Amino acid sequence: MIKKFFTLSLLFAALMVAVNAQSQSQSVEGPEISFAESSKNFGDITQGDVVEHTFAFENTGNQPLIISNVLVTCGCTATNWPRDPIAAGKSSEITVRFDSKGKSGAQNKIITVVSNAVNPREKVSIKTNVLPKKKEDA
């Protein structure tokens, strides 16, 4: 009986150590960028349309987040992003604008956010299907 109690006590202690180690490894040291959504699909748009979306994010880390650059895949996509540090626990946003002039078919534009976060290169995307302009009746 004492042997069983001793064995169960050891197993319980080992389990508690493992749970404690796992919870400590999950805490973030430094800034961390967490987006509310990673993608926006505009569906069908007509060639020449300009669409815009704002990606909200939060600094879920424990130090100020500094975004150093926001990279786009082509000149058809423009961004507006915060240049000032975002304090721990605070939120901000990145606005992405896509001009479909000269584009056709399925579009998937990747936006890479470069920062001092523990996840230093985060990606969001915008998707759409660009339909040809409708010919106007004469």
N, C-alpha and C. Protein backbone atom coordinates (compact mmCIF):
# COMPACT_ATOMS: atom_id res chain seq x y z
N MET A 1 0.82 -1.19 0.00
CA MET A 1 0.00 0.00 0.00
C MET A 1 0.87 1.26 0.00
N ILE A 2 1.91 1.27 0.82
CA ILE A 2 2.80 2.42 0.89
C ILE A 2 3.55 2.57 -0.43
N LYS A 3 3.90 1.44 -1.05
CA LYS A 3 4.59 1.48 -2.34
C LYS A 3 3.72 2.13 -3.41
N LYS A 4 2.42 1.79 -3.44
CA LYS A 4 1.49 2.38 -4.40
C LYS A 4 1.36 3.88 -4.16
N PHE A 5 1.23 4.27 -2.91
CA PHE A 5 1.11 5.69 -2.58
C PHE A 5 2.37 6.44 -3.00
N PHE A 6 3.53 5.88 -2.72
CA PHE A 6 4.80 6.50 -3.09
C PHE A 6 4.90 6.64 -4.61
N THR A 7 4.54 5.59 -5.36
CA THR A 7 4.59 5.61 -6.83
C THR A 7 3.62 6.65 -7.38
N LEU A 8 2.41 6.70 -6.86
CA LEU A 8 1.44 7.70 -7.31
C LEU A 8 1.91 9.11 -6.99
N SER A 9 2.53 9.31 -5.85
CA SER A 9 3.06 10.62 -5.48
C SER A 9 4.16 11.06 -6.44
N LEU A 10 5.05 10.14 -6.80
CA LEU A 10 6.10 10.46 -7.75
C LEU A 10 5.53 10.81 -9.12
N LEU A 11 4.55 10.05 -9.58
CA LEU A 11 3.92 10.34 -10.87
C LEU A 11 3.24 11.71 -10.84
N PHE A 12 2.55 12.02 -9.75
CA PHE A 12 1.88 13.31 -9.63
C PHE A 12 2.91 14.44 -9.65
N ALA A 13 4.00 14.29 -8.93
CA ALA A 13 5.05 15.32 -8.89
C ALA A 13 5.67 15.51 -10.28
N ALA A 14 5.92 14.43 -10.98
CA ALA A 14 6.49 14.52 -12.33
C ALA A 14 5.52 15.23 -13.27
N LEU A 15 4.25 14.93 -13.14
CA LEU A 15 3.24 15.59 -13.97
C LEU A 15 3.20 17.08 -13.68
N MET A 16 3.26 17.47 -12.43
CA MET A 16 3.24 18.89 -12.07
C MET A 16 4.46 19.63 -12.61
N VAL A 17 5.62 19.00 -12.56
CA VAL A 17 6.83 19.60 -13.11
C VAL A 17 6.69 19.80 -14.61
N ALA A 18 6.15 18.82 -15.30
CA ALA A 18 5.97 18.91 -16.75
C ALA A 18 4.98 20.02 -17.11
N VAL A 19 3.88 20.11 -16.40
CA VAL A 19 2.89 21.16 -16.66
C VAL A 19 3.48 22.53 -16.39
N ASN A 20 4.22 22.69 -15.32
CA ASN A 20 4.85 23.97 -14.98
C ASN A 20 5.88 24.37 -16.03
N ALA A 21 6.68 23.43 -16.50
CA ALA A 21 7.68 23.72 -17.52
C ALA A 21 7.02 24.14 -18.82
N GLN A 22 5.92 23.49 -19.17
CA GLN A 22 5.22 23.83 -20.41
C GLN A 22 4.62 25.23 -20.32
N SER A 23 4.02 25.58 -19.20
CA SER A 23 3.41 26.91 -19.08
C SER A 23 4.47 28.00 -19.07
N GLN A 24 5.64 27.73 -18.51
CA GLN A 24 6.71 28.72 -18.52
C GLN A 24 7.27 28.91 -19.93
N SER A 25 7.33 27.85 -20.73
CA SER A 25 7.87 27.96 -22.07
C SER A 25 6.91 28.69 -23.01
N GLN A 26 5.64 28.79 -22.64
CA GLN A 26 4.66 29.46 -23.48
C GLN A 26 4.63 30.97 -23.24
N SER A 27 5.23 31.46 -22.17
CA SER A 27 5.23 32.90 -21.94
C SER A 27 6.24 33.55 -22.88
N VAL A 28 5.85 34.68 -23.43
CA VAL A 28 6.65 35.36 -24.45
C VAL A 28 7.51 36.43 -23.80
N GLU A 29 8.78 36.43 -24.11
CA GLU A 29 9.69 37.49 -23.69
C GLU A 29 9.94 38.37 -24.90
N GLY A 30 9.47 39.59 -24.85
CA GLY A 30 9.64 40.50 -25.97
C GLY A 30 8.29 40.81 -26.61
N PRO A 31 8.31 41.61 -27.67
CA PRO A 31 7.07 41.94 -28.37
C PRO A 31 6.58 40.77 -29.21
N GLU A 32 5.27 40.70 -29.40
CA GLU A 32 4.68 39.67 -30.26
C GLU A 32 3.49 40.28 -30.98
N ILE A 33 3.46 40.13 -32.30
CA ILE A 33 2.38 40.69 -33.10
C ILE A 33 1.34 39.60 -33.36
N SER A 34 0.09 39.91 -33.04
CA SER A 34 -1.01 38.96 -33.23
C SER A 34 -2.11 39.64 -34.03
N PHE A 35 -2.35 39.14 -35.24
CA PHE A 35 -3.37 39.71 -36.10
C PHE A 35 -4.73 39.12 -35.78
N ALA A 36 -5.78 39.94 -35.86
CA ALA A 36 -7.14 39.47 -35.66
C ALA A 36 -7.55 38.54 -36.79
N GLU A 37 -7.05 38.79 -37.99
CA GLU A 37 -7.31 37.94 -39.16
C GLU A 37 -6.07 37.96 -40.04
N SER A 38 -5.85 36.86 -40.75
CA SER A 38 -4.64 36.79 -41.56
C SER A 38 -4.91 36.98 -43.05
N SER A 39 -6.18 37.02 -43.45
CA SER A 39 -6.50 37.14 -44.86
C SER A 39 -7.84 37.84 -45.05
N LYS A 40 -7.96 38.55 -46.16
CA LYS A 40 -9.21 39.19 -46.55
C LYS A 40 -9.48 38.82 -47.99
N ASN A 41 -10.67 38.25 -48.25
CA ASN A 41 -11.06 37.89 -49.61
C ASN A 41 -12.15 38.86 -50.06
N PHE A 42 -11.87 39.61 -51.11
CA PHE A 42 -12.83 40.58 -51.64
C PHE A 42 -13.81 39.96 -52.62
N GLY A 43 -13.61 38.71 -52.99
CA GLY A 43 -14.48 38.07 -53.97
C GLY A 43 -14.23 38.66 -55.35
N ASP A 44 -15.27 38.74 -56.16
CA ASP A 44 -15.15 39.28 -57.52
C ASP A 44 -15.18 40.81 -57.49
N ILE A 45 -14.23 41.41 -58.20
CA ILE A 45 -14.24 42.86 -58.42
C ILE A 45 -14.02 43.09 -59.92
N THR A 46 -14.29 44.28 -60.37
CA THR A 46 -14.12 44.61 -61.79
C THR A 46 -12.76 45.27 -62.01
N GLN A 47 -12.11 44.93 -63.10
CA GLN A 47 -10.80 45.50 -63.42
C GLN A 47 -10.87 47.03 -63.32
N GLY A 48 -9.92 47.59 -62.60
CA GLY A 48 -9.88 49.03 -62.37
C GLY A 48 -10.38 49.42 -61.00
N ASP A 49 -11.09 48.52 -60.32
CA ASP A 49 -11.56 48.80 -58.96
C ASP A 49 -10.37 48.87 -58.00
N VAL A 50 -10.52 49.70 -56.99
CA VAL A 50 -9.53 49.78 -55.92
C VAL A 50 -10.23 49.34 -54.64
N VAL A 51 -9.64 48.36 -53.96
CA VAL A 51 -10.21 47.86 -52.71
C VAL A 51 -9.21 48.09 -51.58
N GLU A 52 -9.74 48.21 -50.38
CA GLU A 52 -8.90 48.52 -49.22
C GLU A 52 -9.39 47.72 -48.02
N HIS A 53 -8.44 47.28 -47.21
CA HIS A 53 -8.79 46.55 -45.98
C HIS A 53 -7.81 46.94 -44.88
N THR A 54 -8.33 46.97 -43.66
CA THR A 54 -7.51 47.28 -42.50
C THR A 54 -7.35 46.02 -41.66
N PHE A 55 -6.09 45.62 -41.47
CA PHE A 55 -5.77 44.47 -40.62
C PHE A 55 -5.44 44.98 -39.22
N ALA A 56 -6.27 44.61 -38.26
CA ALA A 56 -6.04 44.99 -36.86
C ALA A 56 -5.08 43.98 -36.23
N PHE A 57 -4.22 44.48 -35.34
CA PHE A 57 -3.31 43.59 -34.62
C PHE A 57 -3.08 44.12 -33.21
N GLU A 58 -2.55 43.24 -32.38
CA GLU A 58 -2.24 43.60 -30.99
C GLU A 58 -0.83 43.15 -30.67
N ASN A 59 -0.16 43.92 -29.85
CA ASN A 59 1.13 43.50 -29.32
C ASN A 59 0.84 42.67 -28.08
N THR A 60 0.86 41.35 -28.23
CA THR A 60 0.54 40.45 -27.13
C THR A 60 1.78 40.06 -26.32
N GLY A 61 2.91 40.67 -26.65
CA GLY A 61 4.13 40.43 -25.89
C GLY A 61 4.22 41.34 -24.68
N ASN A 62 5.43 41.44 -24.12
CA ASN A 62 5.61 42.25 -22.91
C ASN A 62 6.59 43.40 -23.09
N GLN A 63 6.94 43.71 -24.33
CA GLN A 63 7.83 44.84 -24.64
C GLN A 63 7.28 45.57 -25.86
N PRO A 64 7.68 46.84 -26.08
CA PRO A 64 7.17 47.59 -27.23
C PRO A 64 7.50 46.92 -28.57
N LEU A 65 6.51 46.96 -29.46
CA LEU A 65 6.63 46.40 -30.80
C LEU A 65 6.97 47.53 -31.77
N ILE A 66 8.01 47.30 -32.58
CA ILE A 66 8.41 48.30 -33.57
C ILE A 66 8.37 47.64 -34.95
N ILE A 67 7.50 48.16 -35.81
CA ILE A 67 7.43 47.66 -37.18
C ILE A 67 8.45 48.44 -38.00
N SER A 68 9.39 47.72 -38.61
CA SER A 68 10.45 48.39 -39.37
C SER A 68 10.15 48.47 -40.86
N ASN A 69 9.26 47.59 -41.36
CA ASN A 69 8.93 47.63 -42.78
C ASN A 69 7.70 46.78 -43.03
N VAL A 70 7.00 47.10 -44.11
CA VAL A 70 5.89 46.28 -44.59
C VAL A 70 6.14 46.08 -46.08
N LEU A 71 6.36 44.83 -46.46
CA LEU A 71 6.73 44.49 -47.83
C LEU A 71 5.52 43.99 -48.61
N VAL A 72 5.43 44.41 -49.87
CA VAL A 72 4.35 43.95 -50.75
C VAL A 72 4.96 43.27 -51.97
N THR A 73 4.14 42.50 -52.69
CA THR A 73 4.66 41.72 -53.81
C THR A 73 4.64 42.46 -55.13
N CYS A 74 3.89 43.56 -55.22
CA CYS A 74 3.90 44.31 -56.48
C CYS A 74 3.46 45.76 -56.22
N GLY A 75 3.66 46.60 -57.23
CA GLY A 75 3.30 48.01 -57.11
C GLY A 75 1.81 48.27 -57.06
N CYS A 76 1.00 47.25 -57.30
CA CYS A 76 -0.45 47.40 -57.28
C CYS A 76 -0.99 47.43 -55.85
N THR A 77 -0.12 47.12 -54.88
CA THR A 77 -0.53 47.05 -53.48
C THR A 77 0.24 48.10 -52.69
N ALA A 78 -0.51 48.88 -51.90
CA ALA A 78 0.11 49.91 -51.07
C ALA A 78 -0.32 49.70 -49.62
N THR A 79 0.52 50.14 -48.69
CA THR A 79 0.21 49.96 -47.27
C THR A 79 0.40 51.24 -46.49
N ASN A 80 -0.28 51.32 -45.38
CA ASN A 80 -0.10 52.38 -44.41
C ASN A 80 0.02 51.70 -43.05
N TRP A 81 1.12 51.92 -42.34
CA TRP A 81 1.38 51.22 -41.10
C TRP A 81 1.96 52.16 -40.06
N PRO A 82 1.84 51.82 -38.77
CA PRO A 82 2.31 52.70 -37.69
C PRO A 82 3.83 52.75 -37.63
N ARG A 83 4.37 53.95 -37.51
CA ARG A 83 5.82 54.14 -37.41
C ARG A 83 6.28 54.24 -35.95
N ASP A 84 5.36 54.52 -35.05
CA ASP A 84 5.70 54.63 -33.63
C ASP A 84 5.59 53.26 -32.96
N PRO A 85 6.36 53.04 -31.89
CA PRO A 85 6.27 51.76 -31.16
C PRO A 85 4.86 51.53 -30.61
N ILE A 86 4.45 50.28 -30.59
CA ILE A 86 3.16 49.89 -30.02
C ILE A 86 3.46 49.21 -28.69
N ALA A 87 2.96 49.79 -27.62
CA ALA A 87 3.23 49.28 -26.28
C ALA A 87 2.63 47.89 -26.09
N ALA A 88 3.18 47.15 -25.15
CA ALA A 88 2.66 45.82 -24.82
C ALA A 88 1.19 45.94 -24.44
N GLY A 89 0.37 45.06 -25.00
CA GLY A 89 -1.05 45.06 -24.70
C GLY A 89 -1.88 46.03 -25.53
N LYS A 90 -1.23 46.85 -26.35
CA LYS A 90 -1.94 47.85 -27.16
C LYS A 90 -2.18 47.31 -28.57
N SER A 91 -3.14 47.94 -29.26
CA SER A 91 -3.51 47.53 -30.61
C SER A 91 -3.22 48.63 -31.61
N SER A 92 -3.12 48.23 -32.86
CA SER A 92 -2.95 49.18 -33.95
C SER A 92 -3.47 48.50 -35.21
N GLU A 93 -3.15 49.09 -36.38
CA GLU A 93 -3.64 48.52 -37.62
C GLU A 93 -2.75 48.85 -38.80
N ILE A 94 -2.86 48.01 -39.81
CA ILE A 94 -2.16 48.20 -41.07
C ILE A 94 -3.22 48.20 -42.16
N THR A 95 -3.23 49.27 -42.96
CA THR A 95 -4.20 49.38 -44.05
C THR A 95 -3.52 48.97 -45.35
N VAL A 96 -4.21 48.13 -46.11
CA VAL A 96 -3.69 47.62 -47.38
C VAL A 96 -4.67 48.03 -48.48
N ARG A 97 -4.11 48.57 -49.56
CA ARG A 97 -4.91 49.04 -50.69
C ARG A 97 -4.43 48.32 -51.95
N PHE A 98 -5.38 47.76 -52.71
CA PHE A 98 -5.05 47.04 -53.93
C PHE A 98 -5.76 47.70 -55.11
N ASP A 99 -4.97 48.05 -56.14
CA ASP A 99 -5.49 48.65 -57.37
C ASP A 99 -5.47 47.58 -58.45
N SER A 100 -6.65 47.23 -58.96
CA SER A 100 -6.75 46.13 -59.91
C SER A 100 -6.54 46.56 -61.37
N LYS A 101 -6.14 47.80 -61.60
CA LYS A 101 -5.90 48.27 -62.97
C LYS A 101 -4.83 47.37 -63.62
N GLY A 102 -5.17 46.84 -64.80
CA GLY A 102 -4.23 46.00 -65.54
C GLY A 102 -4.15 44.57 -65.04
N LYS A 103 -4.94 44.21 -64.05
CA LYS A 103 -4.93 42.84 -63.50
C LYS A 103 -6.15 42.08 -63.99
N SER A 104 -6.03 40.75 -64.03
CA SER A 104 -7.19 39.92 -64.37
C SER A 104 -7.04 38.56 -63.69
N GLY A 105 -8.18 37.97 -63.40
CA GLY A 105 -8.17 36.64 -62.79
C GLY A 105 -7.90 36.67 -61.30
N ALA A 106 -7.58 35.50 -60.77
CA ALA A 106 -7.35 35.34 -59.33
C ALA A 106 -6.09 36.09 -58.91
N GLN A 107 -6.20 36.84 -57.82
CA GLN A 107 -5.08 37.59 -57.26
C GLN A 107 -4.91 37.22 -55.79
N ASN A 108 -3.68 36.97 -55.39
CA ASN A 108 -3.36 36.67 -53.99
C ASN A 108 -2.13 37.49 -53.64
N LYS A 109 -2.31 38.58 -52.95
CA LYS A 109 -1.22 39.49 -52.62
C LYS A 109 -0.80 39.28 -51.17
N ILE A 110 0.47 38.94 -51.00
CA ILE A 110 1.04 38.68 -49.67
C ILE A 110 1.69 39.96 -49.15
N ILE A 111 1.39 40.30 -47.92
CA ILE A 111 1.97 41.47 -47.26
C ILE A 111 2.79 40.94 -46.09
N THR A 112 4.09 41.24 -46.08
CA THR A 112 4.99 40.76 -45.04
C THR A 112 5.31 41.91 -44.08
N VAL A 113 5.02 41.71 -42.81
CA VAL A 113 5.26 42.72 -41.78
C VAL A 113 6.55 42.35 -41.06
N VAL A 114 7.55 43.25 -41.16
CA VAL A 114 8.86 43.03 -40.55
C VAL A 114 8.93 43.86 -39.28
N SER A 115 9.28 43.21 -38.16
CA SER A 115 9.30 43.92 -36.88
C SER A 115 10.35 43.32 -35.94
N ASN A 116 10.39 43.88 -34.74
CA ASN A 116 11.30 43.37 -33.71
C ASN A 116 10.64 42.28 -32.86
N ALA A 117 9.52 41.76 -33.29
CA ALA A 117 8.77 40.77 -32.52
C ALA A 117 9.49 39.42 -32.48
N VAL A 118 9.07 38.59 -31.56
CA VAL A 118 9.62 37.23 -31.49
C VAL A 118 9.24 36.45 -32.75
N ASN A 119 8.19 36.89 -33.41
CA ASN A 119 7.80 36.38 -34.73
C ASN A 119 8.08 37.52 -35.72
N PRO A 120 9.36 37.71 -36.13
CA PRO A 120 9.78 38.93 -36.82
C PRO A 120 9.24 39.15 -38.23
N ARG A 121 8.72 38.12 -38.86
CA ARG A 121 8.15 38.26 -40.21
C ARG A 121 6.78 37.59 -40.23
N GLU A 122 5.76 38.38 -40.07
CA GLU A 122 4.39 37.88 -40.12
C GLU A 122 3.78 38.23 -41.46
N LYS A 123 2.90 37.38 -41.96
CA LYS A 123 2.29 37.61 -43.27
C LYS A 123 0.77 37.66 -43.16
N VAL A 124 0.20 38.60 -43.91
CA VAL A 124 -1.23 38.66 -44.12
C VAL A 124 -1.44 38.70 -45.63
N SER A 125 -2.66 38.49 -46.08
CA SER A 125 -2.88 38.49 -47.52
C SER A 125 -4.25 39.05 -47.87
N ILE A 126 -4.33 39.55 -49.09
CA ILE A 126 -5.61 39.92 -49.67
C ILE A 126 -5.80 39.10 -50.92
N LYS A 127 -7.05 38.67 -51.14
CA LYS A 127 -7.37 37.83 -52.29
C LYS A 127 -8.57 38.43 -53.00
N THR A 128 -8.59 38.26 -54.29
CA THR A 128 -9.73 38.72 -55.09
C THR A 128 -9.68 38.06 -56.45
N ASN A 129 -10.78 38.15 -57.15
CA ASN A 129 -10.85 37.68 -58.53
C ASN A 129 -11.23 38.89 -59.38
N VAL A 130 -10.33 39.29 -60.27
CA VAL A 130 -10.55 40.48 -61.08
C VAL A 130 -11.24 40.09 -62.39
N LEU A 131 -12.44 40.61 -62.56
CA LEU A 131 -13.23 40.35 -63.77
C LEU A 131 -12.98 41.45 -64.79
N PRO A 132 -13.07 41.13 -66.09
CA PRO A 132 -12.86 42.17 -67.10
C PRO A 132 -13.94 43.25 -67.01
N LYS A 133 -13.58 44.44 -67.47
CA LYS A 133 -14.55 45.53 -67.50
C LYS A 133 -15.69 45.15 -68.43
N LYS A 134 -16.89 45.55 -68.03
CA LYS A 134 -18.05 45.30 -68.88
C LYS A 134 -18.09 46.35 -69.98
N LYS A 135 -18.35 45.91 -71.19
CA LYS A 135 -18.47 46.86 -72.30
C LYS A 135 -19.81 47.59 -72.17
N GLU A 136 -19.73 48.89 -72.25
CA GLU A 136 -20.94 49.68 -72.11
C GLU A 136 -21.72 49.66 -73.42
N ASP A 137 -23.02 49.66 -73.29
CA ASP A 137 -23.89 49.67 -74.48
C ASP A 137 -23.75 50.98 -75.21
N ALA A 138 -23.72 50.94 -76.53
CA ALA A 138 -23.56 52.15 -77.33
C ALA A 138 -24.88 52.83 -77.59
